[in-house]
Amino acid sequence: MLPRDCVLIGSSTGGGRTAYGAISQMETRGDVITVRGERYVPLTLDQPEEQKRMFRLASRPCLIPSDIESWRVLKPLPKS
Protein backbone atom coordinates (compact mmCIF):
# COMPACT_ATOMS: atom_id res chain seq x y z
CA MET A 1 0.00 0.00 0.00
CA LEU A 2 0.94 3.60 -0.45
CA PRO A 3 2.09 5.41 2.72
CA ARG A 4 -0.21 8.22 3.90
CA ASP A 5 2.32 10.99 3.32
CA CYS A 6 3.24 9.94 -0.25
CA VAL A 7 1.82 10.44 -3.72
CA LEU A 8 1.86 8.20 -6.77
CA ILE A 9 2.97 9.79 -10.05
CA GLY A 10 2.21 7.82 -13.21
CA SER A 11 2.77 8.39 -16.88
CA SER A 12 -0.21 8.75 -19.22
CA THR A 13 2.02 7.73 -22.14
CA GLY A 14 3.65 4.71 -20.46
CA GLY A 15 0.94 2.27 -21.55
CA GLY A 16 -0.77 -0.31 -19.43
CA ARG A 17 -4.29 -1.43 -18.69
CA THR A 18 -7.04 -1.03 -16.14
CA ALA A 19 -8.57 -3.97 -14.28
CA TYR A 20 -11.62 -3.69 -12.04
CA GLY A 21 -11.98 -5.29 -8.60
CA ALA A 22 -15.02 -6.90 -7.02
CA ILE A 23 -17.81 -4.86 -5.44
CA SER A 24 -20.19 -6.34 -2.87
CA GLN A 25 -23.43 -4.55 -2.11
CA MET A 26 -26.78 -5.22 -0.48
CA GLU A 27 -29.73 -5.25 -2.84
CA THR A 28 -33.23 -3.97 -1.98
CA ARG A 29 -34.48 -7.37 -0.76
CA GLY A 30 -31.49 -7.74 1.56
CA ASP A 31 -29.49 -10.08 -0.66
CA VAL A 32 -25.77 -9.39 -0.84
CA ILE A 33 -24.32 -9.69 -4.32
CA THR A 34 -20.74 -9.48 -5.52
CA VAL A 35 -19.97 -8.17 -9.00
CA ARG A 36 -16.52 -8.84 -10.45
CA GLY A 37 -14.67 -7.20 -13.30
CA GLU A 38 -17.28 -4.55 -14.19
CA ARG A 39 -16.30 -0.96 -14.81
CA TYR A 40 -19.33 0.51 -13.02
CA VAL A 41 -21.82 -1.18 -10.70
CA PRO A 42 -25.13 0.70 -10.23
CA LEU A 43 -27.28 0.62 -7.11
CA THR A 44 -30.73 2.16 -6.68
CA LEU A 45 -31.87 3.01 -3.15
CA ASP A 46 -35.58 3.69 -2.68
CA GLN A 47 -36.99 5.40 0.40
CA PRO A 48 -40.74 5.59 -0.35
CA GLU A 49 -41.64 7.03 3.07
CA GLU A 50 -39.49 10.07 2.26
CA GLN A 51 -40.33 10.01 -1.47
CA LYS A 52 -36.65 9.61 -2.35
CA ARG A 53 -34.82 7.54 -4.92
CA MET A 54 -31.04 7.66 -4.92
CA PHE A 55 -28.61 6.26 -7.47
CA ARG A 56 -25.03 5.26 -6.79
CA LEU A 57 -22.29 4.11 -9.12
CA ALA A 58 -19.41 2.16 -7.59
CA SER A 59 -16.09 1.36 -9.24
CA ARG A 60 -12.81 -0.19 -8.06
CA PRO A 61 -10.23 0.52 -10.76
CA CYS A 62 -6.76 -0.97 -10.51
CA LEU A 63 -4.21 0.58 -12.87
CA ILE A 64 -1.61 -1.88 -14.17
CA PRO A 65 1.39 -0.21 -15.85
CA SER A 66 3.21 -2.04 -18.64
CA ASP A 67 6.43 -0.31 -17.55
CA ILE A 68 6.71 -0.05 -13.77
CA GLU A 69 9.65 2.33 -14.16
CA SER A 70 7.29 4.96 -15.61
CA TRP A 71 5.64 5.32 -12.17
CA ARG A 72 7.11 6.85 -9.00
CA VAL A 73 6.10 7.11 -5.36
CA LEU A 74 7.19 10.48 -3.96
CA LYS A 75 7.12 12.06 -0.55
CA PRO A 76 6.37 15.79 -0.91
CA LEU A 77 8.62 18.25 0.92
CA PRO A 78 7.05 19.98 3.90
CA LYS A 79 6.02 23.63 3.61
CA SER A 80 8.76 26.00 4.66
PDB file of N, CA and C in Angstrom:
ATOM      1  N   MET A   1       0.832  -1.186   0.000  1.00  0.00           N
ATOM      2  CA  MET A   1       0.000   0.000   0.000  1.00  0.00           C
ATOM      3  C   MET A   1       0.874   1.247   0.000  1.00  0.00           C
ATOM      4  N   LEU A   2       0.258   2.319  -0.373  1.00  0.00           N
ATOM      5  CA  LEU A   2       0.944   3.599  -0.445  1.00  0.00           C
ATOM      6  C   LEU A   2       0.929   4.276   0.925  1.00  0.00           C
ATOM      7  N   PRO A   3       2.083   4.713   1.431  1.00  0.00           N
ATOM      8  CA  PRO A   3       2.092   5.415   2.720  1.00  0.00           C
ATOM      9  C   PRO A   3       1.239   6.681   2.674  1.00  0.00           C
ATOM     10  N   ARG A   4       0.692   7.063   3.801  1.00  0.00           N
ATOM     11  CA  ARG A   4      -0.212   8.224   3.897  1.00  0.00           C
ATOM     12  C   ARG A   4       0.408   9.524   3.397  1.00  0.00           C
ATOM     13  N   ASP A   5       1.686   9.719   3.642  1.00  0.00           N
ATOM     14  CA  ASP A   5       2.318  10.992   3.318  1.00  0.00           C
ATOM     15  C   ASP A   5       3.006  10.983   1.953  1.00  0.00           C
ATOM     16  N   CYS A   6       2.618  10.058   1.077  1.00  0.00           N
ATOM     17  CA  CYS A   6       3.240   9.944  -0.247  1.00  0.00           C
ATOM     18  C   CYS A   6       2.198  10.084  -1.351  1.00  0.00           C
ATOM     19  N   VAL A   7       2.686  10.349  -2.546  1.00  0.00           N
ATOM     20  CA  VAL A   7       1.818  10.438  -3.720  1.00  0.00           C
ATOM     21  C   VAL A   7       2.366   9.515  -4.807  1.00  0.00           C
ATOM     22  N   LEU A   8       1.481   9.042  -5.649  1.00  0.00           N
ATOM     23  CA  LEU A   8       1.864   8.200  -6.774  1.00  0.00           C
ATOM     24  C   LEU A   8       1.808   9.036  -8.040  1.00  0.00           C
ATOM     25  N   ILE A   9       2.898   9.064  -8.782  1.00  0.00           N
ATOM     26  CA  ILE A   9       2.966   9.790 -10.049  1.00  0.00           C
ATOM     27  C   ILE A   9       3.105   8.747 -11.155  1.00  0.00           C
ATOM     28  N   GLY A  10       2.174   8.771 -12.103  1.00  0.00           N
ATOM     29  CA  GLY A  10       2.209   7.825 -13.209  1.00  0.00           C
ATOM     30  C   GLY A  10       2.275   8.547 -14.537  1.00  0.00           C
ATOM     31  N   SER A  11       2.660   7.826 -15.543  1.00  0.00           N
ATOM     32  CA  SER A  11       2.771   8.394 -16.883  1.00  0.00           C
ATOM     33  C   SER A  11       1.525   8.038 -17.699  1.00  0.00           C
ATOM     34  N   SER A  12       0.951   9.019 -18.359  1.00  0.00           N
ATOM     35  CA  SER A  12      -0.206   8.752 -19.223  1.00  0.00           C
ATOM     36  C   SER A  12       0.229   8.206 -20.578  1.00  0.00           C
ATOM     37  N   THR A  13       1.518   8.244 -20.856  1.00  0.00           N
ATOM     38  CA  THR A  13       2.016   7.727 -22.138  1.00  0.00           C
ATOM     39  C   THR A  13       2.787   6.421 -21.963  1.00  0.00           C
ATOM     40  N   GLY A  14       2.883   5.924 -20.739  1.00  0.00           N
ATOM     41  CA  GLY A  14       3.654   4.710 -20.464  1.00  0.00           C
ATOM     42  C   GLY A  14       2.950   3.421 -20.841  1.00  0.00           C
ATOM     43  N   GLY A  15       1.686   3.482 -21.204  1.00  0.00           N
ATOM     44  CA  GLY A  15       0.944   2.273 -21.550  1.00  0.00           C
ATOM     45  C   GLY A  15       0.512   1.514 -20.313  1.00  0.00           C
ATOM     46  N   GLY A  16      -0.265   0.505 -20.531  1.00  0.00           N
ATOM     47  CA  GLY A  16      -0.766  -0.305 -19.431  1.00  0.00           C
ATOM     48  C   GLY A  16      -2.235  -0.611 -19.641  1.00  0.00           C
ATOM     49  N   ARG A  17      -2.863  -1.119 -18.596  1.00  0.00           N
ATOM     50  CA  ARG A  17      -4.287  -1.430 -18.693  1.00  0.00           C
ATOM     51  C   ARG A  17      -4.952  -1.170 -17.352  1.00  0.00           C
ATOM     52  N   THR A  18      -6.261  -1.221 -17.355  1.00  0.00           N
ATOM     53  CA  THR A  18      -7.039  -1.033 -16.139  1.00  0.00           C
ATOM     54  C   THR A  18      -7.871  -2.281 -15.896  1.00  0.00           C
ATOM     55  N   ALA A  19      -7.729  -2.854 -14.708  1.00  0.00           N
ATOM     56  CA  ALA A  19      -8.571  -3.970 -14.283  1.00  0.00           C
ATOM     57  C   ALA A  19      -9.548  -3.424 -13.242  1.00  0.00           C
ATOM     58  N   TYR A  20     -10.624  -4.146 -13.006  1.00  0.00           N
ATOM     59  CA  TYR A  20     -11.624  -3.688 -12.040  1.00  0.00           C
ATOM     60  C   TYR A  20     -11.860  -4.760 -10.991  1.00  0.00           C
ATOM     61  N   GLY A  21     -11.801  -4.366  -9.724  1.00  0.00           N
ATOM     62  CA  GLY A  21     -11.979  -5.288  -8.604  1.00  0.00           C
ATOM     63  C   GLY A  21     -13.437  -5.544  -8.291  1.00  0.00           C
ATOM     64  N   ALA A  22     -13.666  -6.491  -7.404  1.00  0.00           N
ATOM     65  CA  ALA A  22     -15.016  -6.903  -7.020  1.00  0.00           C
ATOM     66  C   ALA A  22     -15.680  -5.857  -6.127  1.00  0.00           C
ATOM     67  N   ILE A  23     -17.001  -5.753  -6.273  1.00  0.00           N
ATOM     68  CA  ILE A  23     -17.808  -4.861  -5.445  1.00  0.00           C
ATOM     69  C   ILE A  23     -18.947  -5.680  -4.860  1.00  0.00           C
ATOM     70  N   SER A  24     -19.078  -5.666  -3.539  1.00  0.00           N
ATOM     71  CA  SER A  24     -20.195  -6.336  -2.865  1.00  0.00           C
ATOM     72  C   SER A  24     -21.148  -5.269  -2.359  1.00  0.00           C
ATOM     73  N   GLN A  25     -22.436  -5.514  -2.571  1.00  0.00           N
ATOM     74  CA  GLN A  25     -23.429  -4.547  -2.109  1.00  0.00           C
ATOM     75  C   GLN A  25     -24.728  -5.262  -1.785  1.00  0.00           C
ATOM     76  N   MET A  26     -25.500  -4.659  -0.878  1.00  0.00           N
ATOM     77  CA  MET A  26     -26.775  -5.225  -0.484  1.00  0.00           C
ATOM     78  C   MET A  26     -27.870  -4.698  -1.410  1.00  0.00           C
ATOM     79  N   GLU A  27     -28.627  -5.610  -1.961  1.00  0.00           N
ATOM     80  CA  GLU A  27     -29.733  -5.251  -2.836  1.00  0.00           C
ATOM     81  C   GLU A  27     -30.964  -4.908  -2.006  1.00  0.00           C
ATOM     82  N   THR A  28     -32.021  -4.428  -2.662  1.00  0.00           N
ATOM     83  CA  THR A  28     -33.229  -3.966  -1.983  1.00  0.00           C
ATOM     84  C   THR A  28     -33.848  -5.040  -1.089  1.00  0.00           C
ATOM     85  N   ARG A  29     -33.859  -6.296  -1.543  1.00  0.00           N
ATOM     86  CA  ARG A  29     -34.479  -7.371  -0.763  1.00  0.00           C
ATOM     87  C   ARG A  29     -33.587  -7.867   0.365  1.00  0.00           C
ATOM     88  N   GLY A  30     -32.398  -7.324   0.512  1.00  0.00           N
ATOM     89  CA  GLY A  30     -31.493  -7.735   1.563  1.00  0.00           C
ATOM     90  C   GLY A  30     -30.439  -8.729   1.116  1.00  0.00           C
ATOM     91  N   ASP A  31     -30.502  -9.158  -0.142  1.00  0.00           N
ATOM     92  CA  ASP A  31     -29.495 -10.076  -0.664  1.00  0.00           C
ATOM     93  C   ASP A  31     -28.189  -9.332  -0.893  1.00  0.00           C
ATOM     94  N   VAL A  32     -27.078  -9.972  -0.562  1.00  0.00           N
ATOM     95  CA  VAL A  32     -25.766  -9.394  -0.838  1.00  0.00           C
ATOM     96  C   VAL A  32     -25.236 -10.027  -2.116  1.00  0.00           C
ATOM     97  N   ILE A  33     -24.884  -9.192  -3.075  1.00  0.00           N
ATOM     98  CA  ILE A  33     -24.324  -9.692  -4.322  1.00  0.00           C
ATOM     99  C   ILE A  33     -22.905  -9.163  -4.477  1.00  0.00           C
ATOM    100  N   THR A  34     -22.097  -9.907  -5.197  1.00  0.00           N
ATOM    101  CA  THR A  34     -20.740  -9.483  -5.516  1.00  0.00           C
ATOM    102  C   THR A  34     -20.595  -9.468  -7.030  1.00  0.00           C
ATOM    103  N   VAL A  35     -20.171  -8.342  -7.559  1.00  0.00           N
ATOM    104  CA  VAL A  35     -19.970  -8.170  -8.995  1.00  0.00           C
ATOM    105  C   VAL A  35     -18.476  -8.050  -9.232  1.00  0.00           C
ATOM    106  N   ARG A  36     -17.960  -8.834 -10.181  1.00  0.00           N
ATOM    107  CA  ARG A  36     -16.521  -8.842 -10.447  1.00  0.00           C
ATOM    108  C   ARG A  36     -16.227  -8.367 -11.863  1.00  0.00           C
ATOM    109  N   GLY A  37     -15.184  -7.564 -11.989  1.00  0.00           N
ATOM    110  CA  GLY A  37     -14.673  -7.199 -13.297  1.00  0.00           C
ATOM    111  C   GLY A  37     -15.487  -6.197 -14.090  1.00  0.00           C
ATOM    112  N   GLU A  38     -16.471  -5.556 -13.487  1.00  0.00           N
ATOM    113  CA  GLU A  38     -17.279  -4.555 -14.188  1.00  0.00           C
ATOM    114  C   GLU A  38     -16.723  -3.163 -13.935  1.00  0.00           C
ATOM    115  N   ARG A  39     -16.811  -2.324 -14.950  1.00  0.00           N
ATOM    116  CA  ARG A  39     -16.302  -0.964 -14.814  1.00  0.00           C
ATOM    117  C   ARG A  39     -17.124  -0.143 -13.820  1.00  0.00           C
ATOM    118  N   TYR A  40     -18.432  -0.194 -13.932  1.00  0.00           N
ATOM    119  CA  TYR A  40     -19.332   0.514 -13.024  1.00  0.00           C
ATOM    120  C   TYR A  40     -20.399  -0.453 -12.542  1.00  0.00           C
ATOM    121  N   VAL A  41     -20.761  -0.355 -11.266  1.00  0.00           N
ATOM    122  CA  VAL A  41     -21.821  -1.180 -10.695  1.00  0.00           C
ATOM    123  C   VAL A  41     -22.871  -0.229 -10.121  1.00  0.00           C
ATOM    124  N   PRO A  42     -24.089  -0.212 -10.714  1.00  0.00           N
ATOM    125  CA  PRO A  42     -25.133   0.699 -10.234  1.00  0.00           C
ATOM    126  C   PRO A  42     -25.896   0.119  -9.039  1.00  0.00           C
ATOM    127  N   LEU A  43     -26.424   1.002  -8.218  1.00  0.00           N
ATOM    128  CA  LEU A  43     -27.283   0.616  -7.111  1.00  0.00           C
ATOM    129  C   LEU A  43     -28.363   1.688  -6.981  1.00  0.00           C
ATOM    130  N   THR A  44     -29.613   1.249  -6.886  1.00  0.00           N
ATOM    131  CA  THR A  44     -30.733   2.162  -6.681  1.00  0.00           C
ATOM    132  C   THR A  44     -31.249   1.966  -5.262  1.00  0.00           C
ATOM    133  N   LEU A  45     -31.371   3.048  -4.521  1.00  0.00           N
ATOM    134  CA  LEU A  45     -31.873   3.008  -3.147  1.00  0.00           C
ATOM    135  C   LEU A  45     -33.187   3.769  -3.089  1.00  0.00           C
ATOM    136  N   ASP A  46     -34.261   3.057  -2.778  1.00  0.00           N
ATOM    137  CA  ASP A  46     -35.578   3.686  -2.684  1.00  0.00           C
ATOM    138  C   ASP A  46     -35.950   3.894  -1.227  1.00  0.00           C
ATOM    139  N   GLN A  47     -36.466   5.080  -0.923  1.00  0.00           N
ATOM    140  CA  GLN A  47     -36.992   5.398   0.401  1.00  0.00           C
ATOM    141  C   GLN A  47     -38.389   5.985   0.193  1.00  0.00           C
ATOM    142  N   PRO A  48     -39.398   5.102  -0.014  1.00  0.00           N
ATOM    143  CA  PRO A  48     -40.743   5.595  -0.347  1.00  0.00           C
ATOM    144  C   PRO A  48     -41.363   6.484   0.721  1.00  0.00           C
ATOM    145  N   GLU A  49     -41.049   6.206   2.002  1.00  0.00           N
ATOM    146  CA  GLU A  49     -41.640   7.027   3.071  1.00  0.00           C
ATOM    147  C   GLU A  49     -41.182   8.475   2.999  1.00  0.00           C
ATOM    148  N   GLU A  50     -40.008   8.703   2.419  1.00  0.00           N
ATOM    149  CA  GLU A  50     -39.494  10.067   2.260  1.00  0.00           C
ATOM    150  C   GLU A  50     -39.585  10.538   0.816  1.00  0.00           C
ATOM    151  N   GLN A  51     -40.195   9.725  -0.034  1.00  0.00           N
ATOM    152  CA  GLN A  51     -40.325  10.008  -1.468  1.00  0.00           C
ATOM    153  C   GLN A  51     -38.965  10.332  -2.084  1.00  0.00           C
ATOM    154  N   LYS A  52     -38.005   9.437  -1.826  1.00  0.00           N
ATOM    155  CA  LYS A  52     -36.654   9.611  -2.353  1.00  0.00           C
ATOM    156  C   LYS A  52     -36.235   8.373  -3.141  1.00  0.00           C
ATOM    157  N   ARG A  53     -35.499   8.605  -4.186  1.00  0.00           N
ATOM    158  CA  ARG A  53     -34.818   7.545  -4.921  1.00  0.00           C
ATOM    159  C   ARG A  53     -33.409   8.040  -5.191  1.00  0.00           C
ATOM    160  N   MET A  54     -32.426   7.268  -4.745  1.00  0.00           N
ATOM    161  CA  MET A  54     -31.035   7.662  -4.920  1.00  0.00           C
ATOM    162  C   MET A  54     -30.330   6.635  -5.809  1.00  0.00           C
ATOM    163  N   PHE A  55     -29.399   7.123  -6.595  1.00  0.00           N
ATOM    164  CA  PHE A  55     -28.612   6.265  -7.470  1.00  0.00           C
ATOM    165  C   PHE A  55     -27.144   6.390  -7.074  1.00  0.00           C
ATOM    166  N   ARG A  56     -26.453   5.258  -7.103  1.00  0.00           N
ATOM    167  CA  ARG A  56     -25.033   5.259  -6.786  1.00  0.00           C
ATOM    168  C   ARG A  56     -24.303   4.413  -7.828  1.00  0.00           C
ATOM    169  N   LEU A  57     -23.163   4.899  -8.258  1.00  0.00           N
ATOM    170  CA  LEU A  57     -22.286   4.113  -9.120  1.00  0.00           C
ATOM    171  C   LEU A  57     -21.020   3.818  -8.334  1.00  0.00           C
ATOM    172  N   ALA A  58     -20.641   2.547  -8.281  1.00  0.00           N
ATOM    173  CA  ALA A  58     -19.414   2.156  -7.592  1.00  0.00           C
ATOM    174  C   ALA A  58     -18.420   1.626  -8.614  1.00  0.00           C
ATOM    175  N   SER A  59     -17.146   1.843  -8.348  1.00  0.00           N
ATOM    176  CA  SER A  59     -16.095   1.364  -9.239  1.00  0.00           C
ATOM    177  C   SER A  59     -14.826   1.142  -8.420  1.00  0.00           C
ATOM    178  N   ARG A  60     -14.073   0.091  -8.740  1.00  0.00           N
ATOM    179  CA  ARG A  60     -12.811  -0.194  -8.059  1.00  0.00           C
ATOM    180  C   ARG A  60     -11.718  -0.417  -9.102  1.00  0.00           C
ATOM    181  N   PRO A  61     -11.261   0.673  -9.729  1.00  0.00           N
ATOM    182  CA  PRO A  61     -10.233   0.519 -10.761  1.00  0.00           C
ATOM    183  C   PRO A  61      -8.866   0.192 -10.165  1.00  0.00           C
ATOM    184  N   CYS A  62      -8.134  -0.614 -10.891  1.00  0.00           N
ATOM    185  CA  CYS A  62      -6.759  -0.966 -10.512  1.00  0.00           C
ATOM    186  C   CYS A  62      -5.892  -0.762 -11.754  1.00  0.00           C
ATOM    187  N   LEU A  63      -5.064   0.268 -11.726  1.00  0.00           N
ATOM    188  CA  LEU A  63      -4.209   0.578 -12.872  1.00  0.00           C
ATOM    189  C   LEU A  63      -2.997  -0.343 -12.876  1.00  0.00           C
ATOM    190  N   ILE A  64      -2.718  -0.939 -14.035  1.00  0.00           N
ATOM    191  CA  ILE A  64      -1.613  -1.878 -14.168  1.00  0.00           C
ATOM    192  C   ILE A  64      -0.679  -1.347 -15.250  1.00  0.00           C
ATOM    193  N   PRO A  65       0.472  -0.785 -14.848  1.00  0.00           N
ATOM    194  CA  PRO A  65       1.385  -0.214 -15.852  1.00  0.00           C
ATOM    195  C   PRO A  65       2.133  -1.316 -16.598  1.00  0.00           C
ATOM    196  N   SER A  66       2.396  -1.087 -17.885  1.00  0.00           N
ATOM    197  CA  SER A  66       3.209  -2.044 -18.638  1.00  0.00           C
ATOM    198  C   SER A  66       4.688  -1.827 -18.341  1.00  0.00           C
ATOM    199  N   ASP A  67       5.049  -0.613 -17.923  1.00  0.00           N
ATOM    200  CA  ASP A  67       6.426  -0.306 -17.554  1.00  0.00           C
ATOM    201  C   ASP A  67       6.420   0.291 -16.152  1.00  0.00           C
ATOM    202  N   ILE A  68       6.758  -0.512 -15.162  1.00  0.00           N
ATOM    203  CA  ILE A  68       6.714  -0.053 -13.775  1.00  0.00           C
ATOM    204  C   ILE A  68       7.668   1.109 -13.517  1.00  0.00           C
ATOM    205  N   GLU A  69       8.687   1.239 -14.322  1.00  0.00           N
ATOM    206  CA  GLU A  69       9.650   2.326 -14.159  1.00  0.00           C
ATOM    207  C   GLU A  69       9.072   3.686 -14.565  1.00  0.00           C
ATOM    208  N   SER A  70       7.910   3.689 -15.228  1.00  0.00           N
ATOM    209  CA  SER A  70       7.289   4.960 -15.612  1.00  0.00           C
ATOM    210  C   SER A  70       6.452   5.545 -14.466  1.00  0.00           C
ATOM    211  N   TRP A  71       6.391   4.867 -13.336  1.00  0.00           N
ATOM    212  CA  TRP A  71       5.644   5.320 -12.168  1.00  0.00           C
ATOM    213  C   TRP A  71       6.614   5.580 -11.023  1.00  0.00           C
ATOM    214  N   ARG A  72       6.265   6.532 -10.162  1.00  0.00           N
ATOM    215  CA  ARG A  72       7.106   6.848  -9.000  1.00  0.00           C
ATOM    216  C   ARG A  72       6.225   7.128  -7.793  1.00  0.00           C
ATOM    217  N   VAL A  73       6.706   6.740  -6.625  1.00  0.00           N
ATOM    218  CA  VAL A  73       6.099   7.110  -5.355  1.00  0.00           C
ATOM    219  C   VAL A  73       6.991   8.173  -4.740  1.00  0.00           C
ATOM    220  N   LEU A  74       6.415   9.348  -4.476  1.00  0.00           N
ATOM    221  CA  LEU A  74       7.188  10.481  -3.963  1.00  0.00           C
ATOM    222  C   LEU A  74       6.639  10.940  -2.621  1.00  0.00           C
ATOM    223  N   LYS A  75       7.526  11.444  -1.807  1.00  0.00           N
ATOM    224  CA  LYS A  75       7.118  12.062  -0.547  1.00  0.00           C
ATOM    225  C   LYS A  75       7.336  13.560  -0.701  1.00  0.00           C
ATOM    226  N   PRO A  76       6.235  14.342  -0.723  1.00  0.00           N
ATOM    227  CA  PRO A  76       6.373  15.792  -0.907  1.00  0.00           C
ATOM    228  C   PRO A  76       7.175  16.424   0.234  1.00  0.00           C
ATOM    229  N   LEU A  77       7.870  17.480  -0.088  1.00  0.00           N
ATOM    230  CA  LEU A  77       8.616  18.247   0.919  1.00  0.00           C
ATOM    231  C   LEU A  77       7.643  19.026   1.767  1.00  0.00           C
ATOM    232  N   PRO A  78       7.931  19.190   3.045  1.00  0.00           N
ATOM    233  CA  PRO A  78       7.048  19.981   3.899  1.00  0.00           C
ATOM    234  C   PRO A  78       7.107  21.467   3.513  1.00  0.00           C
ATOM    235  N   LYS A  79       6.030  22.176   3.847  1.00  0.00           N
ATOM    236  CA  LYS A  79       6.021  23.630   3.606  1.00  0.00           C
ATOM    237  C   LYS A  79       7.093  24.291   4.441  1.00  0.00           C
ATOM    238  N   SER A  80       7.738  25.292   3.882  1.00  0.00           N
ATOM    239  CA  SER A  80       8.764  25.998   4.660  1.00  0.00           C
ATOM    240  C   SER A  80       8.324  27.392   4.987  1.00  0.00           C
TER     241      SER A  80
END
